[in-house]
């Protein structure tokens, strides 16, 4: 999987610990190597992880190698972004977007 710099990769095995059990809100990008819009989001996620690291944990999950989590949250399109807070999904967004728009959409969950 092509990872964004500074953004951790989560898997089916550690999703519960890393995402559902996190103390901060977590932005999960459901991504895939074969998805050009997902690759475009790399620099955006890297910047977000750096700028919002105190308030938000940013991670990526490869849908091809982690089907259990992907199916559990009914993710069908890439990229899908989900924000989890206190173990619950509180926001879902589909499709690539500029950083400014992504930040606006995250305002009420941060």
C-alpha atoms as a PDB file:
ATOM      1  CA  UNK A   1       0.000   0.000   0.000  1.00  0.00           C
ATOM      2  CA  UNK A   2       1.193   3.521  -0.767  1.00  0.00           C
ATOM      3  CA  UNK A   3       1.258   5.195   2.628  1.00  0.00           C
ATOM      4  CA  UNK A   4       1.081   8.893   3.288  1.00  0.00           C
ATOM      5  CA  UNK A   5       4.149  10.089   5.205  1.00  0.00           C
ATOM      6  CA  UNK A   6       3.504  10.325   8.939  1.00  0.00           C
ATOM      7  CA  UNK A   7       0.228   8.428   8.662  1.00  0.00           C
ATOM      8  CA  UNK A   8       0.003   5.023  10.347  1.00  0.00           C
ATOM      9  CA  UNK A   9      -1.452   1.982   8.627  1.00  0.00           C
ATOM     10  CA  UNK A  10      -4.075   0.015  10.530  1.00  0.00           C
ATOM     11  CA  UNK A  11      -5.279  -3.522   9.814  1.00  0.00           C
ATOM     12  CA  UNK A  12      -8.171  -5.810  10.670  1.00  0.00           C
ATOM     13  CA  UNK A  13      -5.974  -7.153  13.484  1.00  0.00           C
ATOM     14  CA  UNK A  14      -5.285  -3.832  15.232  1.00  0.00           C
ATOM     15  CA  UNK A  15      -8.292  -1.705  14.170  1.00  0.00           C
ATOM     16  CA  UNK A  16     -10.043  -2.162  17.512  1.00  0.00           C
ATOM     17  CA  UNK A  17      -6.981  -1.079  19.506  1.00  0.00           C
ATOM     18  CA  UNK A  18      -5.709   1.689  17.208  1.00  0.00           C
ATOM     19  CA  UNK A  19      -9.035   3.219  16.145  1.00  0.00           C
ATOM     20  CA  UNK A  20     -11.907   2.158  18.389  1.00  0.00           C
ATOM     21  CA  UNK A  21      -9.781   2.364  21.536  1.00  0.00           C
ATOM     22  CA  UNK A  22      -8.025   5.640  20.690  1.00  0.00           C
ATOM     23  CA  UNK A  23      -8.239   8.558  23.108  1.00  0.00           C
ATOM     24  CA  UNK A  24      -8.367  11.104  20.261  1.00  0.00           C
ATOM     25  CA  UNK A  25     -10.865  11.212  17.389  1.00  0.00           C
ATOM     26  CA  UNK A  26      -9.470   9.121  14.499  1.00  0.00           C
ATOM     27  CA  UNK A  27      -9.738   9.872  10.781  1.00  0.00           C
ATOM     28  CA  UNK A  28      -9.510   6.610   8.836  1.00  0.00           C
ATOM     29  CA  UNK A  29      -8.891   6.654   5.099  1.00  0.00           C
ATOM     30  CA  UNK A  30     -10.111   3.439   3.496  1.00  0.00           C
ATOM     31  CA  UNK A  31      -7.724   3.231   0.554  1.00  0.00           C
ATOM     32  CA  UNK A  32      -6.304   0.971  -2.155  1.00  0.00           C
ATOM     33  CA  UNK A  33      -3.171   0.929  -4.306  1.00  0.00           C
ATOM     34  CA  UNK A  34      -5.231   0.841  -7.511  1.00  0.00           C
ATOM     35  CA  UNK A  35      -7.145   4.025  -6.625  1.00  0.00           C
ATOM     36  CA  UNK A  36      -5.726   7.249  -8.191  1.00  0.00           C
ATOM     37  CA  UNK A  37      -7.848   9.619  -6.023  1.00  0.00           C
ATOM     38  CA  UNK A  38      -6.505   7.792  -2.938  1.00  0.00           C
ATOM     39  CA  UNK A  39      -2.939   8.553  -4.046  1.00  0.00           C
ATOM     40  CA  UNK A  40      -3.882  12.226  -4.516  1.00  0.00           C
ATOM     41  CA  UNK A  41      -4.965  12.337  -0.873  1.00  0.00           C
ATOM     42  CA  UNK A  42      -1.495  11.332   0.409  1.00  0.00           C
ATOM     43  CA  UNK A  43      -0.074  14.874   0.771  1.00  0.00           C
ATOM     44  CA  UNK A  44      -3.371  16.096   2.254  1.00  0.00           C
ATOM     45  CA  UNK A  45      -3.362  13.370   4.927  1.00  0.00           C
ATOM     46  CA  UNK A  46       0.309  13.992   5.688  1.00  0.00           C
ATOM     47  CA  UNK A  47      -0.345  17.717   6.206  1.00  0.00           C
ATOM     48  CA  UNK A  48      -3.423  16.972   8.305  1.00  0.00           C
ATOM     49  CA  UNK A  49      -1.490  14.537  10.522  1.00  0.00           C
ATOM     50  CA  UNK A  50       1.205  17.169  11.102  1.00  0.00           C
ATOM     51  CA  UNK A  51      -1.114  20.133  11.679  1.00  0.00           C
ATOM     52  CA  UNK A  52      -3.875  18.421  13.671  1.00  0.00           C
ATOM     53  CA  UNK A  53      -1.823  15.713  15.425  1.00  0.00           C
ATOM     54  CA  UNK A  54      -2.670  17.090  18.867  1.00  0.00           C
ATOM     55  CA  UNK A  55      -6.402  16.811  18.229  1.00  0.00           C
ATOM     56  CA  UNK A  56      -6.778  14.088  15.605  1.00  0.00           C
ATOM     57  CA  UNK A  57      -5.176  10.744  14.822  1.00  0.00           C
ATOM     58  CA  UNK A  58      -4.912  10.053  11.066  1.00  0.00           C
ATOM     59  CA  UNK A  59      -4.595   6.462   9.792  1.00  0.00           C
ATOM     60  CA  UNK A  60      -5.010   4.493   6.560  1.00  0.00           C
ATOM     61  CA  UNK A  61      -6.550   1.070   6.004  1.00  0.00           C
ATOM     62  CA  UNK A  62      -5.918  -0.940   2.821  1.00  0.00           C
ATOM     63  CA  UNK A  63      -9.294  -2.347   1.741  1.00  0.00           C
ATOM     64  CA  UNK A  64      -7.744  -5.166  -0.284  1.00  0.00           C
ATOM     65  CA  UNK A  65      -5.843  -6.678   2.630  1.00  0.00           C
ATOM     66  CA  UNK A  66      -8.372  -5.851   5.366  1.00  0.00           C
ATOM     67  CA  UNK A  67     -11.780  -7.080   4.177  1.00  0.00           C
ATOM     68  CA  UNK A  68     -13.272  -7.610   7.656  1.00  0.00           C
ATOM     69  CA  UNK A  69     -13.108  -3.947   8.687  1.00  0.00           C
ATOM     70  CA  UNK A  70     -13.992  -2.763   5.174  1.00  0.00           C
ATOM     71  CA  UNK A  71     -17.141  -4.928   5.125  1.00  0.00           C
ATOM     72  CA  UNK A  72     -18.049  -4.169   8.742  1.00  0.00           C
ATOM     73  CA  UNK A  73     -18.377  -0.466   7.881  1.00  0.00           C
ATOM     74  CA  UNK A  74     -19.921  -1.135   4.444  1.00  0.00           C
ATOM     75  CA  UNK A  75     -17.189   0.722   2.581  1.00  0.00           C
ATOM     76  CA  UNK A  76     -17.808   0.449  -1.172  1.00  0.00           C
ATOM     77  CA  UNK A  77     -15.990   3.423  -2.726  1.00  0.00           C
ATOM     78  CA  UNK A  78     -12.407   4.598  -2.428  1.00  0.00           C
ATOM     79  CA  UNK A  79     -11.334   6.735  -0.829  1.00  0.00           C
ATOM     80  CA  UNK A  80     -13.830   6.704   2.031  1.00  0.00           C
ATOM     81  CA  UNK A  81     -12.987   8.743   5.109  1.00  0.00           C
ATOM     82  CA  UNK A  82     -14.549   7.890   8.453  1.00  0.00           C
ATOM     83  CA  UNK A  83     -14.125   9.716  11.707  1.00  0.00           C
ATOM     84  CA  UNK A  84     -14.373   7.600  14.847  1.00  0.00           C
ATOM     85  CA  UNK A  85     -14.849   9.057  18.302  1.00  0.00           C
ATOM     86  CA  UNK A  86     -15.095   6.916  21.450  1.00  0.00           C
ATOM     87  CA  UNK A  87     -15.261   3.774  19.310  1.00  0.00           C
ATOM     88  CA  UNK A  88     -18.151   4.962  17.137  1.00  0.00           C
ATOM     89  CA  UNK A  89     -18.185   6.240  13.549  1.00  0.00           C
ATOM     90  CA  UNK A  90     -19.446   9.837  13.732  1.00  0.00           C
ATOM     91  CA  UNK A  91     -18.813  11.057  10.176  1.00  0.00           C
ATOM     92  CA  UNK A  92     -18.336   9.465   6.780  1.00  0.00           C
ATOM     93  CA  UNK A  93     -17.164  11.155   3.561  1.00  0.00           C
ATOM     94  CA  UNK A  94     -16.589   9.579   0.150  1.00  0.00           C
ATOM     95  CA  UNK A  95     -14.164  10.838  -2.474  1.00  0.00           C
ATOM     96  CA  UNK A  96     -10.992  12.875  -2.690  1.00  0.00           C
ATOM     97  CA  UNK A  97     -11.218  16.486  -1.544  1.00  0.00           C
ATOM     98  CA  UNK A  98      -8.896  19.442  -0.985  1.00  0.00           C
ATOM     99  CA  UNK A  99      -7.424  19.881   2.488  1.00  0.00           C
ATOM    100  CA  UNK A 100      -9.425  23.013   3.213  1.00  0.00           C
ATOM    101  CA  UNK A 101     -12.717  21.225   2.512  1.00  0.00           C
ATOM    102  CA  UNK A 102     -11.651  18.187   4.533  1.00  0.00           C
ATOM    103  CA  UNK A 103     -10.784  20.441   7.490  1.00  0.00           C
ATOM    104  CA  UNK A 104     -14.173  22.187   7.208  1.00  0.00           C
ATOM    105  CA  UNK A 105     -15.930  18.815   7.282  1.00  0.00           C
ATOM    106  CA  UNK A 106     -13.922  17.795  10.354  1.00  0.00           C
ATOM    107  CA  UNK A 107     -14.571  21.011  12.314  1.00  0.00           C
ATOM    108  CA  UNK A 108     -17.561  19.724  14.266  1.00  0.00           C
ATOM    109  CA  UNK A 109     -15.909  16.414  15.217  1.00  0.00           C
ATOM    110  CA  UNK A 110     -12.613  17.836  16.458  1.00  0.00           C
END
